[in-house]
C-alpha atoms as a PDB file:
ATOM      1  CA  MET A   1    -151.982  52.232 156.619  1.00  0.00           C
ATOM      2  CA  SER A   2    -154.660  50.585 154.559  1.00  0.00           C
ATOM      3  CA  TYR A   3    -153.857  49.899 150.935  1.00  0.00           C
ATOM      4  CA  PRO A   4    -156.312  50.723 148.104  1.00  0.00           C
ATOM      5  CA  PRO A   5    -158.388  47.586 147.428  1.00  0.00           C
ATOM      6  CA  GLU A   6    -158.669  48.349 143.690  1.00  0.00           C
ATOM      7  CA  PHE A   7    -154.871  47.994 143.272  1.00  0.00           C
ATOM      8  CA  LEU A   8    -152.813  44.820 142.888  1.00  0.00           C
ATOM      9  CA  TYR A   9    -149.394  44.512 144.543  1.00  0.00           C
ATOM     10  CA  THR A  10    -145.976  42.876 144.093  1.00  0.00           C
ATOM     11  CA  LYS A  11    -143.542  41.515 146.675  1.00  0.00           C
ATOM     12  CA  GLU A  12    -141.125  44.232 145.516  1.00  0.00           C
ATOM     13  CA  HIS A  13    -143.650  46.862 146.737  1.00  0.00           C
ATOM     14  CA  GLU A  14    -145.060  48.116 143.455  1.00  0.00           C
ATOM     15  CA  TRP A  15    -148.762  48.576 142.795  1.00  0.00           C
ATOM     16  CA  ILE A  16    -150.831  48.518 139.614  1.00  0.00           C
ATOM     17  CA  ARG A  17    -154.363  49.687 138.925  1.00  0.00           C
ATOM     18  CA  VAL A  18    -155.753  48.274 135.683  1.00  0.00           C
ATOM     19  CA  ASP A  19    -158.371  50.182 133.694  1.00  0.00           C
ATOM     20  CA  ASP A  20    -159.338  48.308 130.530  1.00  0.00           C
ATOM     21  CA  ALA A  21    -156.002  47.387 128.935  1.00  0.00           C
ATOM     22  CA  VAL A  22    -153.909  50.088 130.626  1.00  0.00           C
ATOM     23  CA  GLY A  23    -152.187  49.665 133.974  1.00  0.00           C
ATOM     24  CA  THR A  24    -151.049  52.579 136.127  1.00  0.00           C
ATOM     25  CA  ILE A  25    -147.963  51.595 138.143  1.00  0.00           C
ATOM     26  CA  GLY A  26    -146.445  53.110 141.269  1.00  0.00           C
ATOM     27  CA  ILE A  27    -144.606  52.265 144.471  1.00  0.00           C
ATOM     28  CA  THR A  28    -146.413  51.518 147.711  1.00  0.00           C
ATOM     29  CA  HIS A  29    -146.586  53.555 150.892  1.00  0.00           C
ATOM     30  CA  HIS A  30    -144.394  50.880 152.505  1.00  0.00           C
ATOM     31  CA  ALA A  31    -141.711  51.321 149.813  1.00  0.00           C
ATOM     32  CA  GLN A  32    -141.545  55.098 150.143  1.00  0.00           C
ATOM     33  CA  LYS A  33    -141.428  54.834 153.940  1.00  0.00           C
ATOM     34  CA  GLU A  34    -138.490  52.406 153.756  1.00  0.00           C
ATOM     35  CA  LEU A  35    -136.646  54.627 151.266  1.00  0.00           C
ATOM     36  CA  GLY A  36    -137.010  57.873 153.215  1.00  0.00           C
ATOM     37  CA  ASP A  37    -136.864  61.269 151.518  1.00  0.00           C
ATOM     38  CA  ILE A  38    -137.001  60.719 147.749  1.00  0.00           C
ATOM     39  CA  VAL A  39    -134.807  63.092 145.745  1.00  0.00           C
ATOM     40  CA  PHE A  40    -134.756  61.706 142.186  1.00  0.00           C
ATOM     41  CA  VAL A  41    -136.754  59.370 139.942  1.00  0.00           C
ATOM     42  CA  GLU A  42    -135.550  57.804 136.689  1.00  0.00           C
ATOM     43  CA  LEU A  43    -138.286  56.438 134.418  1.00  0.00           C
ATOM     44  CA  PRO A  44    -138.535  55.017 130.891  1.00  0.00           C
ATOM     45  CA  LYS A  45    -139.839  57.042 127.943  1.00  0.00           C
ATOM     46  CA  THR A  46    -143.243  56.784 126.308  1.00  0.00           C
ATOM     47  CA  GLY A  47    -143.034  54.028 123.693  1.00  0.00           C
ATOM     48  CA  ASP A  48    -140.505  51.961 125.662  1.00  0.00           C
ATOM     49  CA  HIS A  49    -141.375  48.369 126.528  1.00  0.00           C
ATOM     50  CA  VAL A  50    -141.278  46.911 130.023  1.00  0.00           C
ATOM     51  CA  ALA A  51    -141.264  43.238 131.006  1.00  0.00           C
ATOM     52  CA  ALA A  52    -142.901  41.706 134.068  1.00  0.00           C
ATOM     53  CA  GLY A  53    -140.371  41.227 136.852  1.00  0.00           C
ATOM     54  CA  GLU A  54    -137.716  43.379 135.190  1.00  0.00           C
ATOM     55  CA  THR A  55    -136.412  46.792 136.246  1.00  0.00           C
ATOM     56  CA  PHE A  56    -137.938  49.779 134.459  1.00  0.00           C
ATOM     57  CA  GLY A  57    -136.555  52.632 136.542  1.00  0.00           C
ATOM     58  CA  THR A  58    -135.021  53.772 139.791  1.00  0.00           C
ATOM     59  CA  VAL A  59    -136.082  55.794 142.787  1.00  0.00           C
ATOM     60  CA  GLU A  60    -133.292  57.583 144.617  1.00  0.00           C
ATOM     61  CA  SER A  61    -133.587  58.695 148.219  1.00  0.00           C
ATOM     62  CA  VAL A  62    -131.148  60.287 150.626  1.00  0.00           C
ATOM     63  CA  LYS A  63    -130.485  56.712 151.874  1.00  0.00           C
ATOM     64  CA  ALA A  64    -130.265  54.580 148.734  1.00  0.00           C
ATOM     65  CA  VAL A  65    -131.071  54.007 145.076  1.00  0.00           C
ATOM     66  CA  SER A  66    -133.786  51.416 144.581  1.00  0.00           C
ATOM     67  CA  ASP A  67    -134.837  49.624 141.390  1.00  0.00           C
ATOM     68  CA  VAL A  68    -138.491  49.654 140.395  1.00  0.00           C
ATOM     69  CA  TYR A  69    -139.850  46.452 138.818  1.00  0.00           C
ATOM     70  CA  ALA A  70    -142.650  46.111 136.284  1.00  0.00           C
ATOM     71  CA  PRO A  71    -145.578  44.021 137.566  1.00  0.00           C
ATOM     72  CA  VAL A  72    -146.682  43.395 133.945  1.00  0.00           C
ATOM     73  CA  THR A  73    -145.323  43.345 130.390  1.00  0.00           C
ATOM     74  CA  GLY A  74    -146.331  46.049 127.960  1.00  0.00           C
ATOM     75  CA  GLU A  75    -145.692  49.367 126.239  1.00  0.00           C
ATOM     76  CA  VAL A  76    -145.257  52.589 128.216  1.00  0.00           C
ATOM     77  CA  VAL A  77    -148.078  54.931 127.138  1.00  0.00           C
ATOM     78  CA  ALA A  78    -147.539  57.672 129.751  1.00  0.00           C
ATOM     79  CA  VAL A  79    -144.866  58.810 132.203  1.00  0.00           C
ATOM     80  CA  ASN A  80    -145.616  60.988 135.226  1.00  0.00           C
ATOM     81  CA  SER A  81    -143.618  64.106 134.321  1.00  0.00           C
ATOM     82  CA  LYS A  82    -144.517  65.783 137.653  1.00  0.00           C
ATOM     83  CA  LEU A  83    -141.947  63.531 139.332  1.00  0.00           C
ATOM     84  CA  GLN A  84    -139.050  65.121 137.411  1.00  0.00           C
ATOM     85  CA  ASP A  85    -139.553  68.406 139.286  1.00  0.00           C
ATOM     86  CA  LYS A  86    -141.177  67.004 142.429  1.00  0.00           C
ATOM     87  CA  PRO A  87    -139.852  63.514 143.223  1.00  0.00           C
ATOM     88  CA  GLU A  88    -140.891  64.089 146.861  1.00  0.00           C
ATOM     89  CA  LEU A  89    -144.511  63.547 145.736  1.00  0.00           C
ATOM     90  CA  LEU A  90    -143.673  59.848 146.065  1.00  0.00           C
ATOM     91  CA  ASN A  91    -143.356  60.383 149.822  1.00  0.00           C
ATOM     92  CA  SER A  92    -146.627  62.262 150.231  1.00  0.00           C
ATOM     93  CA  GLU A  93    -148.860  60.715 147.541  1.00  0.00           C
ATOM     94  CA  PRO A  94    -147.507  57.245 146.630  1.00  0.00           C
ATOM     95  CA  HIS A  95    -150.957  55.813 145.820  1.00  0.00           C
ATOM     96  CA  ASP A  96    -152.371  58.849 144.081  1.00  0.00           C
ATOM     97  CA  GLU A  97    -150.658  61.717 142.304  1.00  0.00           C
ATOM     98  CA  ALA A  98    -147.225  60.094 142.337  1.00  0.00           C
ATOM     99  CA  TRP A  99    -147.894  57.201 139.970  1.00  0.00           C
ATOM    100  CA  LEU A 100    -144.816  56.374 137.870  1.00  0.00           C
ATOM    101  CA  ILE A 101    -145.889  55.047 134.462  1.00  0.00           C
ATOM    102  CA  ARG A 102    -148.913  53.800 132.540  1.00  0.00           C
ATOM    103  CA  VAL A 103    -148.511  50.645 130.465  1.00  0.00           C
ATOM    104  CA  ARG A 104    -150.689  49.076 127.774  1.00  0.00           C
ATOM    105  CA  LEU A 105    -150.801  45.476 128.986  1.00  0.00           C
ATOM    106  CA  LYS A 106    -149.592  42.784 126.617  1.00  0.00           C
ATOM    107  CA  ASP A 107    -151.416  40.020 128.538  1.00  0.00           C
ATOM    108  CA  ARG A 108    -153.861  40.875 131.300  1.00  0.00           C
ATOM    109  CA  ARG A 109    -153.490  37.354 132.733  1.00  0.00           C
ATOM    110  CA  GLU A 110    -150.134  38.449 134.168  1.00  0.00           C
ATOM    111  CA  THR A 111    -152.072  40.304 136.877  1.00  0.00           C
ATOM    112  CA  GLU A 112    -153.427  36.989 138.221  1.00  0.00           C
ATOM    113  CA  SER A 113    -150.144  36.326 140.050  1.00  0.00           C
ATOM    114  CA  LEU A 114    -150.211  39.666 141.891  1.00  0.00           C
ATOM    115  CA  MET A 115    -151.480  40.173 145.450  1.00  0.00           C
ATOM    116  CA  THR A 116    -154.716  41.822 146.523  1.00  0.00           C
ATOM    117  CA  ALA A 117    -154.523  44.622 149.103  1.00  0.00           C
ATOM    118  CA  GLU A 118    -155.448  42.115 151.814  1.00  0.00           C
ATOM    119  CA  GLN A 119    -152.742  39.673 150.703  1.00  0.00           C
ATOM    120  CA  TYR A 120    -150.173  42.482 150.480  1.00  0.00           C
ATOM    121  CA  GLU A 121    -150.960  43.708 153.996  1.00  0.00           C
ATOM    122  CA  ALA A 122    -150.595  40.112 155.293  1.00  0.00           C
ATOM    123  CA  TYR A 123    -147.270  39.848 153.396  1.00  0.00           C
ATOM    124  CA  LEU A 124    -146.012  43.027 155.113  1.00  0.00           C
ATOM    125  CA  GLN A 125    -147.059  41.689 158.525  1.00  0.00           C
ATOM    126  CA  GLU A 126    -145.207  38.421 157.878  1.00  0.00           C
ATOM    127  CA  ALA A 127    -142.076  40.239 156.711  1.00  0.00           C
ATOM    128  CA  ALA A 128    -142.108  42.406 159.852  1.00  0.00           C
ATOM    129  CA  HIS A 129    -141.811  39.352 162.135  1.00  0.00           C
END
């Protein structure tokens, strides 16, 4: 699996793609693979605030419930409503159609501590050994 180079990644297996001052956030292919078949997603509402490093929702699979952490601080400006009816999209399209939320970034500098695709892939390799 190669990870999209235009995304930034967290050690908790979230990704963010920043366009201007808005970041689209999702979970990585690795995360969905570890979770197995995803059956439910709980997300914040538009207008809610999220804080970097803090939980903003959960992804439930047949195996477990997993928290999802915000890579940045900001205001939720969009929520992917498709996931209410089709949470399994996270298994098939984790880097595309199955984004979770969009956030207006409070401070873009927060992204400087995130990993590039190359760094994330190296992190996964290290964790596997």
